[in-house]
Amino acid sequence: MRTFNHVGIITTEKKEGAMFNEGLSVWLTDYSQSPNKIEWLRFEPGSCLPELVQTQTHMAYTVPDLAAELEGKKVIFGPAVCDEHLTIAFIEEEGIPVEIMEIK
C-alpha cells in the first residue's frame, strides 16, 4: 500500500537550504521542512535522472516493499540505494514520474 510522502517540483531558481546530490546532479530541498511536503529540484547538466523526472512534477510515495511495488510497472529509474535507510525508484504512471520509496 502506498503512503503519500511528498511532491517534487522542478525549478530553475536557487532555493534556500537546498543541498546538492552529487550522484544525481540535482539540488534538493528538504520536503520534511515544508508544510506542504514540497521538494524543490534544480537539475545540473549531466544528471542521470530521466528527462521526464527532470521536466515534470512528481508525486512520491513510501511503500513497505519496493520490489513488490515495481512488479509490472514501467520503471524509468532505479532502484537506487540512497543510503542504508532509503532506496528509491521512479516509475511512469498517467504520463508523470512517480517516485517510490522504501524507508527502513
N, C-alpha and C. Protein backbone atom coordinates (compact mmCIF):
# COMPACT_ATOMS: atom_id res chain seq x y z
N MET A 1 0.83 -1.18 0.00
CA MET A 1 0.00 0.00 0.00
C MET A 1 0.88 1.25 0.00
N ARG A 2 0.58 2.17 -0.87
CA ARG A 2 1.33 3.41 -0.96
C ARG A 2 0.84 4.42 0.09
N THR A 3 1.82 5.16 0.64
CA THR A 3 1.51 6.27 1.55
C THR A 3 2.16 7.52 0.98
N PHE A 4 1.36 8.58 0.80
CA PHE A 4 1.90 9.82 0.25
C PHE A 4 3.06 10.31 1.10
N ASN A 5 4.15 10.77 0.44
CA ASN A 5 5.33 11.28 1.13
C ASN A 5 5.60 12.74 0.80
N HIS A 6 5.68 13.07 -0.50
CA HIS A 6 5.94 14.45 -0.90
C HIS A 6 5.63 14.66 -2.37
N VAL A 7 5.70 15.93 -2.78
CA VAL A 7 5.59 16.28 -4.19
C VAL A 7 6.89 16.97 -4.59
N GLY A 8 7.44 16.59 -5.72
CA GLY A 8 8.68 17.18 -6.22
C GLY A 8 8.38 18.13 -7.36
N ILE A 9 8.81 19.39 -7.21
CA ILE A 9 8.54 20.41 -8.22
C ILE A 9 9.86 20.92 -8.78
N ILE A 10 9.94 20.97 -10.10
CA ILE A 10 11.14 21.42 -10.78
C ILE A 10 11.21 22.95 -10.73
N THR A 11 12.41 23.46 -10.50
CA THR A 11 12.63 24.90 -10.50
C THR A 11 13.96 25.22 -11.18
N THR A 12 14.08 26.44 -11.64
CA THR A 12 15.37 26.92 -12.15
C THR A 12 15.98 27.91 -11.17
N GLU A 13 15.25 28.23 -10.10
CA GLU A 13 15.71 29.19 -9.10
C GLU A 13 16.49 28.48 -7.99
N LYS A 14 17.46 29.18 -7.43
CA LYS A 14 18.17 28.67 -6.26
C LYS A 14 17.23 28.80 -5.06
N LYS A 15 17.06 27.70 -4.33
CA LYS A 15 16.18 27.69 -3.17
C LYS A 15 17.01 27.63 -1.89
N GLU A 16 16.63 28.44 -0.93
CA GLU A 16 17.33 28.47 0.35
C GLU A 16 17.31 27.08 1.00
N GLY A 17 18.46 26.66 1.48
CA GLY A 17 18.58 25.38 2.17
C GLY A 17 18.73 24.18 1.26
N ALA A 18 18.74 24.38 -0.05
CA ALA A 18 18.88 23.25 -0.98
C ALA A 18 20.25 22.61 -0.81
N MET A 19 20.27 21.28 -0.88
CA MET A 19 21.50 20.51 -0.77
C MET A 19 21.79 19.86 -2.11
N PHE A 20 23.07 19.77 -2.46
CA PHE A 20 23.45 19.18 -3.74
C PHE A 20 23.66 17.69 -3.59
N ASN A 21 22.98 16.91 -4.42
CA ASN A 21 23.20 15.47 -4.50
C ASN A 21 24.09 15.23 -5.70
N GLU A 22 25.37 14.99 -5.42
CA GLU A 22 26.37 14.85 -6.49
C GLU A 22 26.08 13.68 -7.41
N GLY A 23 25.64 12.56 -6.84
CA GLY A 23 25.38 11.37 -7.65
C GLY A 23 24.28 11.58 -8.68
N LEU A 24 23.29 12.41 -8.35
CA LEU A 24 22.17 12.67 -9.25
C LEU A 24 22.28 14.02 -9.95
N SER A 25 23.28 14.82 -9.59
CA SER A 25 23.48 16.17 -10.13
C SER A 25 22.21 17.02 -10.02
N VAL A 26 21.71 17.10 -8.79
CA VAL A 26 20.49 17.86 -8.55
C VAL A 26 20.56 18.53 -7.18
N TRP A 27 20.04 19.75 -7.12
CA TRP A 27 19.87 20.47 -5.87
C TRP A 27 18.48 20.14 -5.34
N LEU A 28 18.38 19.76 -4.06
CA LEU A 28 17.12 19.33 -3.46
C LEU A 28 16.86 20.09 -2.17
N THR A 29 15.60 20.45 -1.94
CA THR A 29 15.23 20.98 -0.63
C THR A 29 14.67 19.84 0.20
N ASP A 30 14.60 20.04 1.51
CA ASP A 30 14.11 19.02 2.44
C ASP A 30 12.60 19.13 2.57
N TYR A 31 11.90 18.20 1.95
CA TYR A 31 10.43 18.24 1.96
C TYR A 31 9.85 18.12 3.36
N SER A 32 10.60 17.53 4.29
CA SER A 32 10.09 17.40 5.66
C SER A 32 10.01 18.75 6.37
N GLN A 33 10.68 19.75 5.81
CA GLN A 33 10.64 21.10 6.38
C GLN A 33 9.55 21.97 5.73
N SER A 34 8.85 21.42 4.76
CA SER A 34 7.81 22.16 4.04
C SER A 34 6.44 21.78 4.59
N PRO A 35 5.62 22.77 4.96
CA PRO A 35 4.28 22.44 5.46
C PRO A 35 3.42 21.73 4.42
N ASN A 36 3.77 21.88 3.14
CA ASN A 36 3.01 21.23 2.07
C ASN A 36 3.75 20.04 1.47
N LYS A 37 4.84 19.62 2.12
CA LYS A 37 5.63 18.47 1.68
C LYS A 37 6.16 18.66 0.26
N ILE A 38 6.67 19.87 -0.03
CA ILE A 38 7.23 20.17 -1.34
C ILE A 38 8.74 19.97 -1.31
N GLU A 39 9.23 19.25 -2.29
CA GLU A 39 10.67 19.10 -2.54
C GLU A 39 10.95 19.86 -3.83
N TRP A 40 11.76 20.90 -3.73
CA TRP A 40 12.16 21.66 -4.92
C TRP A 40 13.39 20.99 -5.51
N LEU A 41 13.43 20.82 -6.83
CA LEU A 41 14.55 20.18 -7.52
C LEU A 41 15.07 21.12 -8.60
N ARG A 42 16.38 21.35 -8.58
CA ARG A 42 17.04 22.14 -9.62
C ARG A 42 18.18 21.30 -10.18
N PHE A 43 18.04 20.90 -11.42
CA PHE A 43 18.99 19.97 -12.03
C PHE A 43 20.18 20.68 -12.65
N GLU A 44 21.32 20.05 -12.53
CA GLU A 44 22.55 20.48 -13.20
C GLU A 44 22.68 19.66 -14.48
N PRO A 45 23.39 20.19 -15.48
CA PRO A 45 23.62 19.41 -16.70
C PRO A 45 24.29 18.07 -16.37
N GLY A 46 23.89 17.05 -17.08
CA GLY A 46 24.50 15.74 -16.90
C GLY A 46 23.85 14.86 -15.86
N SER A 47 22.70 15.26 -15.33
CA SER A 47 22.01 14.41 -14.36
C SER A 47 21.64 13.08 -15.01
N CYS A 48 21.75 12.01 -14.24
CA CYS A 48 21.44 10.68 -14.75
C CYS A 48 19.94 10.38 -14.68
N LEU A 49 19.17 11.27 -14.06
CA LEU A 49 17.73 11.02 -13.97
C LEU A 49 17.07 11.25 -15.33
N PRO A 50 16.02 10.48 -15.63
CA PRO A 50 15.37 10.59 -16.93
C PRO A 50 14.80 11.99 -17.17
N GLU A 51 14.66 12.34 -18.44
CA GLU A 51 14.13 13.66 -18.82
C GLU A 51 12.76 13.91 -18.18
N LEU A 52 11.93 12.88 -18.13
CA LEU A 52 10.60 13.04 -17.53
C LEU A 52 10.69 13.51 -16.08
N VAL A 53 11.64 12.97 -15.33
CA VAL A 53 11.84 13.37 -13.93
C VAL A 53 12.39 14.80 -13.86
N GLN A 54 13.24 15.15 -14.81
CA GLN A 54 13.87 16.48 -14.81
C GLN A 54 12.94 17.58 -15.29
N THR A 55 11.82 17.23 -15.91
CA THR A 55 10.96 18.26 -16.51
C THR A 55 9.54 18.27 -15.97
N GLN A 56 9.12 17.26 -15.22
CA GLN A 56 7.75 17.16 -14.75
C GLN A 56 7.69 17.03 -13.22
N THR A 57 6.66 17.60 -12.64
CA THR A 57 6.38 17.42 -11.22
C THR A 57 6.19 15.93 -10.95
N HIS A 58 6.66 15.48 -9.79
CA HIS A 58 6.42 14.08 -9.43
C HIS A 58 5.76 13.97 -8.07
N MET A 59 5.02 12.89 -7.89
CA MET A 59 4.45 12.52 -6.60
C MET A 59 5.36 11.44 -6.03
N ALA A 60 5.51 11.42 -4.71
CA ALA A 60 6.36 10.41 -4.09
C ALA A 60 5.57 9.69 -3.00
N TYR A 61 5.75 8.38 -2.96
CA TYR A 61 5.05 7.54 -2.01
C TYR A 61 6.05 6.60 -1.33
N THR A 62 5.81 6.28 -0.07
CA THR A 62 6.56 5.24 0.60
C THR A 62 5.77 3.94 0.50
N VAL A 63 6.52 2.85 0.43
CA VAL A 63 5.92 1.51 0.36
C VAL A 63 6.72 0.59 1.26
N PRO A 64 6.09 -0.47 1.76
CA PRO A 64 6.83 -1.40 2.61
C PRO A 64 7.78 -2.32 1.85
N ASP A 65 7.49 -2.57 0.55
CA ASP A 65 8.30 -3.50 -0.24
C ASP A 65 8.46 -2.93 -1.65
N LEU A 66 9.59 -2.28 -1.90
CA LEU A 66 9.84 -1.62 -3.18
C LEU A 66 9.79 -2.61 -4.34
N ALA A 67 10.44 -3.75 -4.19
CA ALA A 67 10.48 -4.73 -5.29
C ALA A 67 9.08 -5.17 -5.68
N ALA A 68 8.24 -5.43 -4.70
CA ALA A 68 6.86 -5.85 -4.98
C ALA A 68 6.09 -4.74 -5.67
N GLU A 69 6.29 -3.51 -5.25
CA GLU A 69 5.57 -2.36 -5.83
C GLU A 69 5.97 -2.13 -7.28
N LEU A 70 7.21 -2.46 -7.65
CA LEU A 70 7.69 -2.22 -9.02
C LEU A 70 7.26 -3.29 -10.01
N GLU A 71 6.79 -4.43 -9.52
CA GLU A 71 6.40 -5.52 -10.41
C GLU A 71 5.32 -5.06 -11.37
N GLY A 72 5.57 -5.25 -12.66
CA GLY A 72 4.60 -4.92 -13.68
C GLY A 72 4.48 -3.44 -13.99
N LYS A 73 5.32 -2.61 -13.37
CA LYS A 73 5.27 -1.17 -13.60
C LYS A 73 6.30 -0.75 -14.65
N LYS A 74 6.12 0.43 -15.21
CA LYS A 74 7.07 0.98 -16.16
C LYS A 74 8.14 1.73 -15.37
N VAL A 75 9.22 1.03 -15.02
CA VAL A 75 10.31 1.62 -14.23
C VAL A 75 11.18 2.46 -15.16
N ILE A 76 11.38 3.73 -14.78
CA ILE A 76 12.19 4.62 -15.62
C ILE A 76 13.52 4.98 -14.95
N PHE A 77 13.66 4.64 -13.65
CA PHE A 77 14.93 4.87 -12.95
C PHE A 77 14.96 3.99 -11.70
N GLY A 78 16.13 3.37 -11.49
CA GLY A 78 16.35 2.61 -10.27
C GLY A 78 15.95 1.17 -10.41
N PRO A 79 15.88 0.54 -9.24
CA PRO A 79 16.04 1.06 -7.89
C PRO A 79 17.47 1.56 -7.62
N ALA A 80 17.54 2.55 -6.77
CA ALA A 80 18.81 3.15 -6.38
C ALA A 80 18.86 3.27 -4.86
N VAL A 81 19.94 2.75 -4.29
CA VAL A 81 20.13 2.85 -2.84
C VAL A 81 20.72 4.23 -2.55
N CYS A 82 19.99 5.02 -1.78
CA CYS A 82 20.45 6.37 -1.43
C CYS A 82 21.32 6.34 -0.19
N ASP A 83 20.94 5.56 0.78
CA ASP A 83 21.73 5.33 1.99
C ASP A 83 21.20 4.06 2.65
N GLU A 84 21.69 3.74 3.84
CA GLU A 84 21.30 2.49 4.49
C GLU A 84 19.82 2.45 4.87
N HIS A 85 19.15 3.59 4.80
CA HIS A 85 17.73 3.65 5.19
C HIS A 85 16.77 3.88 4.03
N LEU A 86 17.28 4.27 2.86
CA LEU A 86 16.40 4.68 1.77
C LEU A 86 16.81 4.10 0.43
N THR A 87 15.85 3.49 -0.24
CA THR A 87 16.00 3.03 -1.62
C THR A 87 14.83 3.62 -2.41
N ILE A 88 15.13 4.16 -3.60
CA ILE A 88 14.10 4.79 -4.41
C ILE A 88 14.09 4.23 -5.82
N ALA A 89 12.98 4.45 -6.49
CA ALA A 89 12.85 4.18 -7.92
C ALA A 89 11.80 5.15 -8.45
N PHE A 90 11.86 5.40 -9.75
CA PHE A 90 10.83 6.19 -10.41
C PHE A 90 10.13 5.31 -11.42
N ILE A 91 8.81 5.42 -11.44
CA ILE A 91 8.01 4.76 -12.45
C ILE A 91 7.25 5.84 -13.21
N GLU A 92 6.71 5.47 -14.36
CA GLU A 92 5.84 6.39 -15.08
C GLU A 92 4.42 5.87 -14.98
N GLU A 93 3.53 6.73 -14.49
CA GLU A 93 2.11 6.42 -14.41
C GLU A 93 1.32 7.66 -14.83
N GLU A 94 0.32 7.47 -15.62
CA GLU A 94 -0.54 8.56 -16.08
C GLU A 94 0.26 9.69 -16.73
N GLY A 95 1.41 9.33 -17.32
CA GLY A 95 2.23 10.30 -18.04
C GLY A 95 3.15 11.14 -17.18
N ILE A 96 3.19 10.89 -15.88
CA ILE A 96 4.08 11.64 -14.99
C ILE A 96 5.00 10.68 -14.25
N PRO A 97 6.13 11.21 -13.75
CA PRO A 97 7.00 10.37 -12.93
C PRO A 97 6.41 10.24 -11.53
N VAL A 98 6.52 9.05 -10.99
CA VAL A 98 6.09 8.77 -9.62
C VAL A 98 7.28 8.14 -8.91
N GLU A 99 7.67 8.75 -7.79
CA GLU A 99 8.78 8.22 -7.01
C GLU A 99 8.24 7.23 -5.98
N ILE A 100 8.85 6.07 -5.94
CA ILE A 100 8.50 5.05 -4.97
C ILE A 100 9.68 4.90 -4.03
N MET A 101 9.42 4.98 -2.72
CA MET A 101 10.47 5.00 -1.71
C MET A 101 10.25 3.88 -0.70
N GLU A 102 11.32 3.15 -0.40
CA GLU A 102 11.28 2.19 0.70
C GLU A 102 12.20 2.71 1.79
N ILE A 103 11.63 3.00 2.94
CA ILE A 103 12.40 3.52 4.07
C ILE A 103 12.50 2.44 5.13
N LYS A 104 13.72 2.13 5.53
CA LYS A 104 13.93 1.08 6.55
C LYS A 104 14.19 1.70 7.89
